[in-house]
């Protein structure tokens, strides 16, 4: 189902950013004027090899140029200063703590 796989429900005007069977059912109702049961929606998604998945965390505001600047300029300067001061560098994501925990699942291609 190309409308679900790789798309965000917000792109279709929904308020929630994860696909649920209810949202898929509403999309089918809007597109085809047909109301299906949640069981039917679940069966259809399973036949299409779409299963509940934890969404990947990726910032919507991702800026490739800023990432490139960080890799080319910012981090090498930080690393140089750390070496000079005999300091260690730690990254928050390596600590095991999450500031943006994922709640819920969405429907996506089975992994």
C-alpha atoms as a PDB file:
ATOM      1  CA  UNK A   1       0.000   0.000   0.000  1.00  0.00           C
ATOM      2  CA  UNK A   2       1.968   2.958  -1.302  1.00  0.00           C
ATOM      3  CA  UNK A   3      -0.141   5.415   0.707  1.00  0.00           C
ATOM      4  CA  UNK A   4       1.078   3.955   4.002  1.00  0.00           C
ATOM      5  CA  UNK A   5       4.543   2.500   3.421  1.00  0.00           C
ATOM      6  CA  UNK A   6       7.129   5.262   3.626  1.00  0.00           C
ATOM      7  CA  UNK A   7       4.544   7.995   4.217  1.00  0.00           C
ATOM      8  CA  UNK A   8       3.523   9.918   7.301  1.00  0.00           C
ATOM      9  CA  UNK A   9      -0.180  10.222   8.276  1.00  0.00           C
ATOM     10  CA  UNK A  10       0.344  13.960   8.787  1.00  0.00           C
ATOM     11  CA  UNK A  11       0.916  14.209   5.016  1.00  0.00           C
ATOM     12  CA  UNK A  12      -2.756  13.232   4.636  1.00  0.00           C
ATOM     13  CA  UNK A  13      -4.028  15.749   7.168  1.00  0.00           C
ATOM     14  CA  UNK A  14      -4.185  13.457  10.213  1.00  0.00           C
ATOM     15  CA  UNK A  15      -3.142  14.837  13.605  1.00  0.00           C
ATOM     16  CA  UNK A  16      -1.048  11.790  14.619  1.00  0.00           C
ATOM     17  CA  UNK A  17       2.307  10.917  13.018  1.00  0.00           C
ATOM     18  CA  UNK A  18       2.176   7.113  13.373  1.00  0.00           C
ATOM     19  CA  UNK A  19       0.059   4.746  11.305  1.00  0.00           C
ATOM     20  CA  UNK A  20      -2.562   2.877  13.294  1.00  0.00           C
ATOM     21  CA  UNK A  21      -5.228   0.541  11.990  1.00  0.00           C
ATOM     22  CA  UNK A  22      -7.773   3.280  12.766  1.00  0.00           C
ATOM     23  CA  UNK A  23      -5.894   5.786  10.630  1.00  0.00           C
ATOM     24  CA  UNK A  24      -5.513   3.304   7.767  1.00  0.00           C
ATOM     25  CA  UNK A  25      -9.228   2.535   8.033  1.00  0.00           C
ATOM     26  CA  UNK A  26     -10.022   6.256   7.856  1.00  0.00           C
ATOM     27  CA  UNK A  27      -7.742   6.681   4.831  1.00  0.00           C
ATOM     28  CA  UNK A  28      -9.513   3.773   3.065  1.00  0.00           C
ATOM     29  CA  UNK A  29     -12.871   5.341   3.948  1.00  0.00           C
ATOM     30  CA  UNK A  30     -11.788   8.715   2.546  1.00  0.00           C
ATOM     31  CA  UNK A  31     -10.292   7.278  -0.663  1.00  0.00           C
ATOM     32  CA  UNK A  32     -12.860   4.572  -1.462  1.00  0.00           C
ATOM     33  CA  UNK A  33     -15.939   5.521   0.589  1.00  0.00           C
ATOM     34  CA  UNK A  34     -15.819   2.043   2.181  1.00  0.00           C
ATOM     35  CA  UNK A  35     -15.710   1.330   5.918  1.00  0.00           C
ATOM     36  CA  UNK A  36     -13.809  -1.814   6.896  1.00  0.00           C
ATOM     37  CA  UNK A  37     -13.461  -3.420  10.316  1.00  0.00           C
ATOM     38  CA  UNK A  38     -10.201  -3.097  12.207  1.00  0.00           C
ATOM     39  CA  UNK A  39      -9.716  -6.849  11.776  1.00  0.00           C
ATOM     40  CA  UNK A  40     -10.049  -6.432   8.002  1.00  0.00           C
ATOM     41  CA  UNK A  41      -7.570  -3.565   8.008  1.00  0.00           C
ATOM     42  CA  UNK A  42      -5.127  -5.648  10.064  1.00  0.00           C
ATOM     43  CA  UNK A  43      -5.509  -8.604   7.701  1.00  0.00           C
ATOM     44  CA  UNK A  44      -5.003  -6.359   4.675  1.00  0.00           C
ATOM     45  CA  UNK A  45      -1.856  -4.832   6.187  1.00  0.00           C
ATOM     46  CA  UNK A  46      -0.528  -8.322   7.005  1.00  0.00           C
ATOM     47  CA  UNK A  47      -1.165  -9.495   3.408  1.00  0.00           C
ATOM     48  CA  UNK A  48       0.836  -6.477   2.248  1.00  0.00           C
ATOM     49  CA  UNK A  49       3.662  -7.534   4.619  1.00  0.00           C
ATOM     50  CA  UNK A  50       3.192  -4.416   6.757  1.00  0.00           C
ATOM     51  CA  UNK A  51       3.571  -5.158  10.455  1.00  0.00           C
ATOM     52  CA  UNK A  52       3.734  -2.978  13.593  1.00  0.00           C
ATOM     53  CA  UNK A  53       7.214  -1.458  13.856  1.00  0.00           C
ATOM     54  CA  UNK A  54       8.906   0.895  16.262  1.00  0.00           C
ATOM     55  CA  UNK A  55       9.500   4.044  14.201  1.00  0.00           C
ATOM     56  CA  UNK A  56      13.045   5.149  13.442  1.00  0.00           C
ATOM     57  CA  UNK A  57      14.027   8.360  15.117  1.00  0.00           C
ATOM     58  CA  UNK A  58      15.151  10.909  12.578  1.00  0.00           C
ATOM     59  CA  UNK A  59      14.760  14.636  12.963  1.00  0.00           C
ATOM     60  CA  UNK A  60      12.358  16.217  10.495  1.00  0.00           C
ATOM     61  CA  UNK A  61      14.470  19.350  10.624  1.00  0.00           C
ATOM     62  CA  UNK A  62      17.594  17.403   9.587  1.00  0.00           C
ATOM     63  CA  UNK A  63      20.046  19.750   7.852  1.00  0.00           C
ATOM     64  CA  UNK A  64      22.617  17.953   5.635  1.00  0.00           C
ATOM     65  CA  UNK A  65      24.757  21.096   5.320  1.00  0.00           C
ATOM     66  CA  UNK A  66      24.934  21.516   9.097  1.00  0.00           C
ATOM     67  CA  UNK A  67      25.886  17.843   9.450  1.00  0.00           C
ATOM     68  CA  UNK A  68      28.651  18.265   6.888  1.00  0.00           C
ATOM     69  CA  UNK A  69      29.962  21.382   8.714  1.00  0.00           C
ATOM     70  CA  UNK A  70      29.923  19.460  11.999  1.00  0.00           C
ATOM     71  CA  UNK A  71      31.914  16.587  10.508  1.00  0.00           C
ATOM     72  CA  UNK A  72      34.343  18.827   8.597  1.00  0.00           C
ATOM     73  CA  UNK A  73      34.936  21.693  11.065  1.00  0.00           C
ATOM     74  CA  UNK A  74      33.226  21.565  14.441  1.00  0.00           C
ATOM     75  CA  UNK A  75      34.057  18.049  15.616  1.00  0.00           C
ATOM     76  CA  UNK A  76      37.716  18.107  14.468  1.00  0.00           C
ATOM     77  CA  UNK A  77      38.176  21.348  16.453  1.00  0.00           C
ATOM     78  CA  UNK A  78      36.564  19.790  19.535  1.00  0.00           C
ATOM     79  CA  UNK A  79      38.725  16.667  19.183  1.00  0.00           C
ATOM     80  CA  UNK A  80      41.900  18.759  18.807  1.00  0.00           C
ATOM     81  CA  UNK A  81      41.091  20.777  21.941  1.00  0.00           C
ATOM     82  CA  UNK A  82      40.293  17.590  23.864  1.00  0.00           C
ATOM     83  CA  UNK A  83      43.673  16.088  22.892  1.00  0.00           C
ATOM     84  CA  UNK A  84      45.456  19.293  23.947  1.00  0.00           C
ATOM     85  CA  UNK A  85      43.714  19.251  27.326  1.00  0.00           C
ATOM     86  CA  UNK A  86      43.981  15.451  27.707  1.00  0.00           C
ATOM     87  CA  UNK A  87      40.192  15.352  27.962  1.00  0.00           C
ATOM     88  CA  UNK A  88      37.720  12.645  27.008  1.00  0.00           C
ATOM     89  CA  UNK A  89      34.727  13.278  24.762  1.00  0.00           C
ATOM     90  CA  UNK A  90      31.422  11.622  25.589  1.00  0.00           C
ATOM     91  CA  UNK A  91      28.272  11.716  23.495  1.00  0.00           C
ATOM     92  CA  UNK A  92      24.833  11.652  25.087  1.00  0.00           C
ATOM     93  CA  UNK A  93      23.587   8.897  22.742  1.00  0.00           C
ATOM     94  CA  UNK A  94      26.412   6.625  23.942  1.00  0.00           C
ATOM     95  CA  UNK A  95      25.297   6.974  27.559  1.00  0.00           C
ATOM     96  CA  UNK A  96      22.164   4.855  27.232  1.00  0.00           C
ATOM     97  CA  UNK A  97      19.861   7.746  28.147  1.00  0.00           C
ATOM     98  CA  UNK A  98      17.129   8.943  25.812  1.00  0.00           C
ATOM     99  CA  UNK A  99      15.638  12.399  25.745  1.00  0.00           C
ATOM    100  CA  UNK A 100      13.166  11.426  23.018  1.00  0.00           C
ATOM    101  CA  UNK A 101      11.710   8.054  23.896  1.00  0.00           C
ATOM    102  CA  UNK A 102       9.487   6.450  21.255  1.00  0.00           C
ATOM    103  CA  UNK A 103       5.935   5.738  22.351  1.00  0.00           C
ATOM    104  CA  UNK A 104       3.809   3.458  20.232  1.00  0.00           C
ATOM    105  CA  UNK A 105       4.239   1.641  16.992  1.00  0.00           C
ATOM    106  CA  UNK A 106       3.412   2.329  13.388  1.00  0.00           C
ATOM    107  CA  UNK A 107       2.670   0.043  10.436  1.00  0.00           C
ATOM    108  CA  UNK A 108       5.604  -0.540   8.089  1.00  0.00           C
ATOM    109  CA  UNK A 109       7.244  -3.215   5.968  1.00  0.00           C
ATOM    110  CA  UNK A 110       8.356  -6.216   8.036  1.00  0.00           C
ATOM    111  CA  UNK A 111      12.057  -6.263   8.875  1.00  0.00           C
END
